[in-house]
Amino acid sequence: MAAVDLRDGESPEHLITRFRQAVQRDGILREIKQRRHFIPKGERRRIAQAKAARRRRRAISKRAAL
């Protein structure tokens, strides 16, 4: 759970900014989006492997471009 405390002399706008950063850092919204629909364990594994393969291909192509 993301929580922020108001600091001395801090504006409400800055407090909201710090809260948004905390939510982003904790990955709360990402997890909510993932939980909207049930994805079986095997399919989650396949998706993770495909993402890893894309990252590897991208890293190789970046190295080749240099």
PDB file of N, CA and C in Angstrom:
ATOM      1  N   MET A   1       0.838  -1.177   0.000  1.00  0.00           N
ATOM      2  CA  MET A   1       0.000   0.000   0.000  1.00  0.00           C
ATOM      3  C   MET A   1       0.880   1.236   0.000  1.00  0.00           C
ATOM      4  N   ALA A   2       0.657   2.109  -0.957  1.00  0.00           N
ATOM      5  CA  ALA A   2       1.433   3.340  -1.048  1.00  0.00           C
ATOM      6  C   ALA A   2       0.824   4.380  -0.114  1.00  0.00           C
ATOM      7  N   ALA A   3       1.676   5.001   0.673  1.00  0.00           N
ATOM      8  CA  ALA A   3       1.221   6.054   1.577  1.00  0.00           C
ATOM      9  C   ALA A   3       2.295   7.121   1.646  1.00  0.00           C
ATOM     10  N   VAL A   4       1.868   8.370   1.694  1.00  0.00           N
ATOM     11  CA  VAL A   4       2.795   9.485   1.834  1.00  0.00           C
ATOM     12  C   VAL A   4       2.296  10.384   2.950  1.00  0.00           C
ATOM     13  N   ASP A   5       3.223  10.974   3.687  1.00  0.00           N
ATOM     14  CA  ASP A   5       2.882  11.898   4.767  1.00  0.00           C
ATOM     15  C   ASP A   5       3.197  13.313   4.322  1.00  0.00           C
ATOM     16  N   LEU A   6       2.368  14.238   4.723  1.00  0.00           N
ATOM     17  CA  LEU A   6       2.564  15.643   4.395  1.00  0.00           C
ATOM     18  C   LEU A   6       3.776  16.170   5.141  1.00  0.00           C
ATOM     19  N   ARG A   7       4.724  16.742   4.395  1.00  0.00           N
ATOM     20  CA  ARG A   7       5.923  17.315   4.997  1.00  0.00           C
ATOM     21  C   ARG A   7       5.654  18.777   5.356  1.00  0.00           C
ATOM     22  N   ASP A   8       6.475  19.315   6.235  1.00  0.00           N
ATOM     23  CA  ASP A   8       6.321  20.713   6.625  1.00  0.00           C
ATOM     24  C   ASP A   8       6.507  21.614   5.413  1.00  0.00           C
ATOM     25  N   GLY A   9       5.536  22.486   5.181  1.00  0.00           N
ATOM     26  CA  GLY A   9       5.615  23.450   4.090  1.00  0.00           C
ATOM     27  C   GLY A   9       5.419  22.863   2.711  1.00  0.00           C
ATOM     28  N   GLU A  10       4.955  21.623   2.610  1.00  0.00           N
ATOM     29  CA  GLU A  10       4.765  20.977   1.309  1.00  0.00           C
ATOM     30  C   GLU A  10       3.399  21.319   0.741  1.00  0.00           C
ATOM     31  N   SER A  11       3.362  21.634  -0.550  1.00  0.00           N
ATOM     32  CA  SER A  11       2.093  21.963  -1.186  1.00  0.00           C
ATOM     33  C   SER A  11       1.315  20.683  -1.481  1.00  0.00           C
ATOM     34  N   PRO A  12      -0.003  20.804  -1.541  1.00  0.00           N
ATOM     35  CA  PRO A  12      -0.820  19.612  -1.867  1.00  0.00           C
ATOM     36  C   PRO A  12      -0.475  19.029  -3.241  1.00  0.00           C
ATOM     37  N   GLU A  13      -0.097  19.897  -4.197  1.00  0.00           N
ATOM     38  CA  GLU A  13       0.254  19.406  -5.529  1.00  0.00           C
ATOM     39  C   GLU A  13       1.490  18.512  -5.476  1.00  0.00           C
ATOM     40  N   HIS A  14       2.479  18.924  -4.675  1.00  0.00           N
ATOM     41  CA  HIS A  14       3.693  18.122  -4.557  1.00  0.00           C
ATOM     42  C   HIS A  14       3.397  16.812  -3.824  1.00  0.00           C
ATOM     43  N   LEU A  15       2.500  16.863  -2.853  1.00  0.00           N
ATOM     44  CA  LEU A  15       2.111  15.645  -2.133  1.00  0.00           C
ATOM     45  C   LEU A  15       1.482  14.635  -3.098  1.00  0.00           C
ATOM     46  N   ILE A  16       0.609  15.128  -3.971  1.00  0.00           N
ATOM     47  CA  ILE A  16      -0.022  14.247  -4.963  1.00  0.00           C
ATOM     48  C   ILE A  16       1.024  13.673  -5.910  1.00  0.00           C
ATOM     49  N   THR A  17       2.001  14.501  -6.303  1.00  0.00           N
ATOM     50  CA  THR A  17       3.069  14.032  -7.181  1.00  0.00           C
ATOM     51  C   THR A  17       3.857  12.915  -6.512  1.00  0.00           C
ATOM     52  N   ARG A  18       4.204  13.097  -5.239  1.00  0.00           N
ATOM     53  CA  ARG A  18       4.947  12.053  -4.531  1.00  0.00           C
ATOM     54  C   ARG A  18       4.118  10.789  -4.406  1.00  0.00           C
ATOM     55  N   PHE A  19       2.800  10.923  -4.194  1.00  0.00           N
ATOM     56  CA  PHE A  19       1.926   9.752  -4.096  1.00  0.00           C
ATOM     57  C   PHE A  19       1.895   8.996  -5.421  1.00  0.00           C
ATOM     58  N   ARG A  20       1.764   9.726  -6.522  1.00  0.00           N
ATOM     59  CA  ARG A  20       1.742   9.078  -7.842  1.00  0.00           C
ATOM     60  C   ARG A  20       3.046   8.333  -8.101  1.00  0.00           C
ATOM     61  N   GLN A  21       4.159   8.931  -7.720  1.00  0.00           N
ATOM     62  CA  GLN A  21       5.452   8.273  -7.895  1.00  0.00           C
ATOM     63  C   GLN A  21       5.527   6.993  -7.066  1.00  0.00           C
ATOM     64  N   ALA A  22       5.001   7.050  -5.835  1.00  0.00           N
ATOM     65  CA  ALA A  22       5.018   5.864  -4.971  1.00  0.00           C
ATOM     66  C   ALA A  22       4.163   4.749  -5.565  1.00  0.00           C
ATOM     67  N   VAL A  23       3.003   5.109  -6.098  1.00  0.00           N
ATOM     68  CA  VAL A  23       2.115   4.121  -6.724  1.00  0.00           C
ATOM     69  C   VAL A  23       2.810   3.500  -7.930  1.00  0.00           C
ATOM     70  N   GLN A  24       3.460   4.331  -8.743  1.00  0.00           N
ATOM     71  CA  GLN A  24       4.174   3.836  -9.922  1.00  0.00           C
ATOM     72  C   GLN A  24       5.314   2.906  -9.512  1.00  0.00           C
ATOM     73  N   ARG A  25       6.072   3.309  -8.492  1.00  0.00           N
ATOM     74  CA  ARG A  25       7.224   2.524  -8.039  1.00  0.00           C
ATOM     75  C   ARG A  25       6.780   1.173  -7.474  1.00  0.00           C
ATOM     76  N   ASP A  26       5.646   1.147  -6.776  1.00  0.00           N
ATOM     77  CA  ASP A  26       5.160  -0.094  -6.182  1.00  0.00           C
ATOM     78  C   ASP A  26       4.485  -1.011  -7.209  1.00  0.00           C
ATOM     79  N   GLY A  27       4.142  -0.484  -8.385  1.00  0.00           N
ATOM     80  CA  GLY A  27       3.529  -1.292  -9.429  1.00  0.00           C
ATOM     81  C   GLY A  27       2.080  -1.643  -9.149  1.00  0.00           C
ATOM     82  N   ILE A  28       1.381  -0.796  -8.406  1.00  0.00           N
ATOM     83  CA  ILE A  28       0.002  -1.080  -8.000  1.00  0.00           C
ATOM     84  C   ILE A  28      -0.923  -1.100  -9.212  1.00  0.00           C
ATOM     85  N   LEU A  29      -0.847  -0.070 -10.059  1.00  0.00           N
ATOM     86  CA  LEU A  29      -1.738  -0.016 -11.221  1.00  0.00           C
ATOM     87  C   LEU A  29      -1.475  -1.161 -12.192  1.00  0.00           C
ATOM     88  N   ARG A  30      -0.203  -1.524 -12.370  1.00  0.00           N
ATOM     89  CA  ARG A  30       0.139  -2.636 -13.249  1.00  0.00           C
ATOM     90  C   ARG A  30      -0.502  -3.928 -12.743  1.00  0.00           C
ATOM     91  N   GLU A  31      -0.444  -4.138 -11.431  1.00  0.00           N
ATOM     92  CA  GLU A  31      -1.022  -5.349 -10.849  1.00  0.00           C
ATOM     93  C   GLU A  31      -2.539  -5.364 -10.996  1.00  0.00           C
ATOM     94  N   ILE A  32      -3.179  -4.210 -10.821  1.00  0.00           N
ATOM     95  CA  ILE A  32      -4.640  -4.131 -10.972  1.00  0.00           C
ATOM     96  C   ILE A  32      -5.035  -4.490 -12.396  1.00  0.00           C
ATOM     97  N   LYS A  33      -4.294  -3.964 -13.378  1.00  0.00           N
ATOM     98  CA  LYS A  33      -4.608  -4.266 -14.773  1.00  0.00           C
ATOM     99  C   LYS A  33      -4.430  -5.754 -15.060  1.00  0.00           C
ATOM    100  N   GLN A  34      -3.410  -6.371 -14.472  1.00  0.00           N
ATOM    101  CA  GLN A  34      -3.184  -7.788 -14.690  1.00  0.00           C
ATOM    102  C   GLN A  34      -4.278  -8.638 -14.049  1.00  0.00           C
ATOM    103  N   ARG A  35      -4.833  -8.178 -12.946  1.00  0.00           N
ATOM    104  CA  ARG A  35      -5.839  -8.969 -12.237  1.00  0.00           C
ATOM    105  C   ARG A  35      -7.244  -8.803 -12.791  1.00  0.00           C
ATOM    106  N   ARG A  36      -7.431  -7.940 -13.781  1.00  0.00           N
ATOM    107  CA  ARG A  36      -8.760  -7.741 -14.357  1.00  0.00           C
ATOM    108  C   ARG A  36      -9.300  -9.030 -14.960  1.00  0.00           C
ATOM    109  N   HIS A  37      -8.408  -9.793 -15.597  1.00  0.00           N
ATOM    110  CA  HIS A  37      -8.809 -11.038 -16.245  1.00  0.00           C
ATOM    111  C   HIS A  37      -7.905 -12.154 -15.744  1.00  0.00           C
ATOM    112  N   PHE A  38      -8.501 -13.303 -15.546  1.00  0.00           N
ATOM    113  CA  PHE A  38      -7.723 -14.453 -15.080  1.00  0.00           C
ATOM    114  C   PHE A  38      -6.847 -14.973 -16.215  1.00  0.00           C
ATOM    115  N   ILE A  39      -5.568 -15.139 -15.929  1.00  0.00           N
ATOM    116  CA  ILE A  39      -4.635 -15.709 -16.891  1.00  0.00           C
ATOM    117  C   ILE A  39      -4.024 -16.950 -16.244  1.00  0.00           C
ATOM    118  N   PRO A  40      -4.185 -18.122 -16.865  1.00  0.00           N
ATOM    119  CA  PRO A  40      -3.623 -19.344 -16.297  1.00  0.00           C
ATOM    120  C   PRO A  40      -2.101 -19.255 -16.153  1.00  0.00           C
ATOM    121  N   LYS A  41      -1.587 -20.039 -15.247  1.00  0.00           N
ATOM    122  CA  LYS A  41      -0.159 -20.013 -14.939  1.00  0.00           C
ATOM    123  C   LYS A  41       0.688 -20.317 -16.166  1.00  0.00           C
ATOM    124  N   GLY A  42       0.290 -21.276 -16.960  1.00  0.00           N
ATOM    125  CA  GLY A  42       1.043 -21.643 -18.156  1.00  0.00           C
ATOM    126  C   GLY A  42       1.092 -20.514 -19.172  1.00  0.00           C
ATOM    127  N   GLU A  43      -0.025 -19.820 -19.310  1.00  0.00           N
ATOM    128  CA  GLU A  43      -0.057 -18.706 -20.256  1.00  0.00           C
ATOM    129  C   GLU A  43       0.792 -17.544 -19.754  1.00  0.00           C
ATOM    130  N   ARG A  44       0.771 -17.291 -18.442  1.00  0.00           N
ATOM    131  CA  ARG A  44       1.628 -16.243 -17.865  1.00  0.00           C
ATOM    132  C   ARG A  44       3.100 -16.555 -18.141  1.00  0.00           C
ATOM    133  N   ARG A  45       3.457 -17.828 -18.008  1.00  0.00           N
ATOM    134  CA  ARG A  45       4.830 -18.257 -18.264  1.00  0.00           C
ATOM    135  C   ARG A  45       5.199 -18.040 -19.734  1.00  0.00           C
ATOM    136  N   ARG A  46       4.275 -18.393 -20.652  1.00  0.00           N
ATOM    137  CA  ARG A  46       4.524 -18.198 -22.076  1.00  0.00           C
ATOM    138  C   ARG A  46       4.705 -16.721 -22.413  1.00  0.00           C
ATOM    139  N   ILE A  47       3.874 -15.869 -21.815  1.00  0.00           N
ATOM    140  CA  ILE A  47       3.978 -14.425 -22.043  1.00  0.00           C
ATOM    141  C   ILE A  47       5.315 -13.907 -21.535  1.00  0.00           C
ATOM    142  N   ALA A  48       5.729 -14.357 -20.352  1.00  0.00           N
ATOM    143  CA  ALA A  48       7.005 -13.921 -19.780  1.00  0.00           C
ATOM    144  C   ALA A  48       8.169 -14.364 -20.658  1.00  0.00           C
ATOM    145  N   GLN A  49       8.111 -15.585 -21.184  1.00  0.00           N
ATOM    146  CA  GLN A  49       9.180 -16.066 -22.065  1.00  0.00           C
ATOM    147  C   GLN A  49       9.228 -15.259 -23.354  1.00  0.00           C
ATOM    148  N   ALA A  50       8.075 -14.911 -23.905  1.00  0.00           N
ATOM    149  CA  ALA A  50       8.038 -14.119 -25.135  1.00  0.00           C
ATOM    150  C   ALA A  50       8.612 -12.720 -24.889  1.00  0.00           C
ATOM    151  N   LYS A  51       8.284 -12.123 -23.733  1.00  0.00           N
ATOM    152  CA  LYS A  51       8.831 -10.810 -23.406  1.00  0.00           C
ATOM    153  C   LYS A  51      10.340 -10.872 -23.250  1.00  0.00           C
ATOM    154  N   ALA A  52      10.833 -11.929 -22.617  1.00  0.00           N
ATOM    155  CA  ALA A  52      12.273 -12.087 -22.437  1.00  0.00           C
ATOM    156  C   ALA A  52      12.965 -12.253 -23.791  1.00  0.00           C
ATOM    157  N   ALA A  53      12.353 -13.007 -24.686  1.00  0.00           N
ATOM    158  CA  ALA A  53      12.935 -13.201 -26.014  1.00  0.00           C
ATOM    159  C   ALA A  53      12.988 -11.882 -26.774  1.00  0.00           C
ATOM    160  N   ARG A  54      11.943 -11.075 -26.665  1.00  0.00           N
ATOM    161  CA  ARG A  54      11.941  -9.756 -27.318  1.00  0.00           C
ATOM    162  C   ARG A  54      13.051  -8.869 -26.763  1.00  0.00           C
ATOM    163  N   ARG A  55      13.208  -8.896 -25.419  1.00  0.00           N
ATOM    164  CA  ARG A  55      14.275  -8.093 -24.802  1.00  0.00           C
ATOM    165  C   ARG A  55      15.645  -8.545 -25.298  1.00  0.00           C
ATOM    166  N   ARG A  56      15.847  -9.862 -25.394  1.00  0.00           N
ATOM    167  CA  ARG A  56      17.125 -10.383 -25.885  1.00  0.00           C
ATOM    168  C   ARG A  56      17.383  -9.957 -27.325  1.00  0.00           C
ATOM    169  N   ARG A  57      16.358 -10.085 -28.188  1.00  0.00           N
ATOM    170  CA  ARG A  57      16.513  -9.692 -29.590  1.00  0.00           C
ATOM    171  C   ARG A  57      16.823  -8.197 -29.700  1.00  0.00           C
ATOM    172  N   ARG A  58      16.131  -7.392 -28.904  1.00  0.00           N
ATOM    173  CA  ARG A  58      16.363  -5.948 -28.920  1.00  0.00           C
ATOM    174  C   ARG A  58      17.779  -5.622 -28.475  1.00  0.00           C
ATOM    175  N   ALA A  59      18.260  -6.297 -27.435  1.00  0.00           N
ATOM    176  CA  ALA A  59      19.625  -6.058 -26.927  1.00  0.00           C
ATOM    177  C   ALA A  59      20.646  -6.460 -27.977  1.00  0.00           C
ATOM    178  N   ILE A  60      20.418  -7.570 -28.660  1.00  0.00           N
ATOM    179  CA  ILE A  60      21.354  -8.020 -29.701  1.00  0.00           C
ATOM    180  C   ILE A  60      21.363  -7.035 -30.862  1.00  0.00           C
ATOM    181  N   SER A  61      20.185  -6.560 -31.273  1.00  0.00           N
ATOM    182  CA  SER A  61      20.141  -5.633 -32.405  1.00  0.00           C
ATOM    183  C   SER A  61      20.780  -4.293 -32.030  1.00  0.00           C
ATOM    184  N   LYS A  62      20.669  -3.862 -30.780  1.00  0.00           N
ATOM    185  CA  LYS A  62      21.315  -2.617 -30.356  1.00  0.00           C
ATOM    186  C   LYS A  62      22.821  -2.778 -30.389  1.00  0.00           C
ATOM    187  N   ARG A  63      23.327  -3.939 -29.944  1.00  0.00           N
ATOM    188  CA  ARG A  63      24.766  -4.193 -29.971  1.00  0.00           C
ATOM    189  C   ARG A  63      25.290  -4.251 -31.396  1.00  0.00           C
ATOM    190  N   ALA A  64      24.503  -4.827 -32.301  1.00  0.00           N
ATOM    191  CA  ALA A  64      24.918  -4.946 -33.699  1.00  0.00           C
ATOM    192  C   ALA A  64      24.952  -3.574 -34.371  1.00  0.00           C
ATOM    193  N   ALA A  65      24.069  -2.658 -33.940  1.00  0.00           N
ATOM    194  CA  ALA A  65      24.012  -1.327 -34.543  1.00  0.00           C
ATOM    195  C   ALA A  65      25.219  -0.490 -34.136  1.00  0.00           C
ATOM    196  N   LEU A  66      25.826  -0.801 -33.017  1.00  0.00           N
ATOM    197  CA  LEU A  66      26.991  -0.021 -32.555  1.00  0.00           C
ATOM    198  C   LEU A  66      28.198  -0.457 -33.267  1.00  0.00           C
TER     199      LEU A  66
END
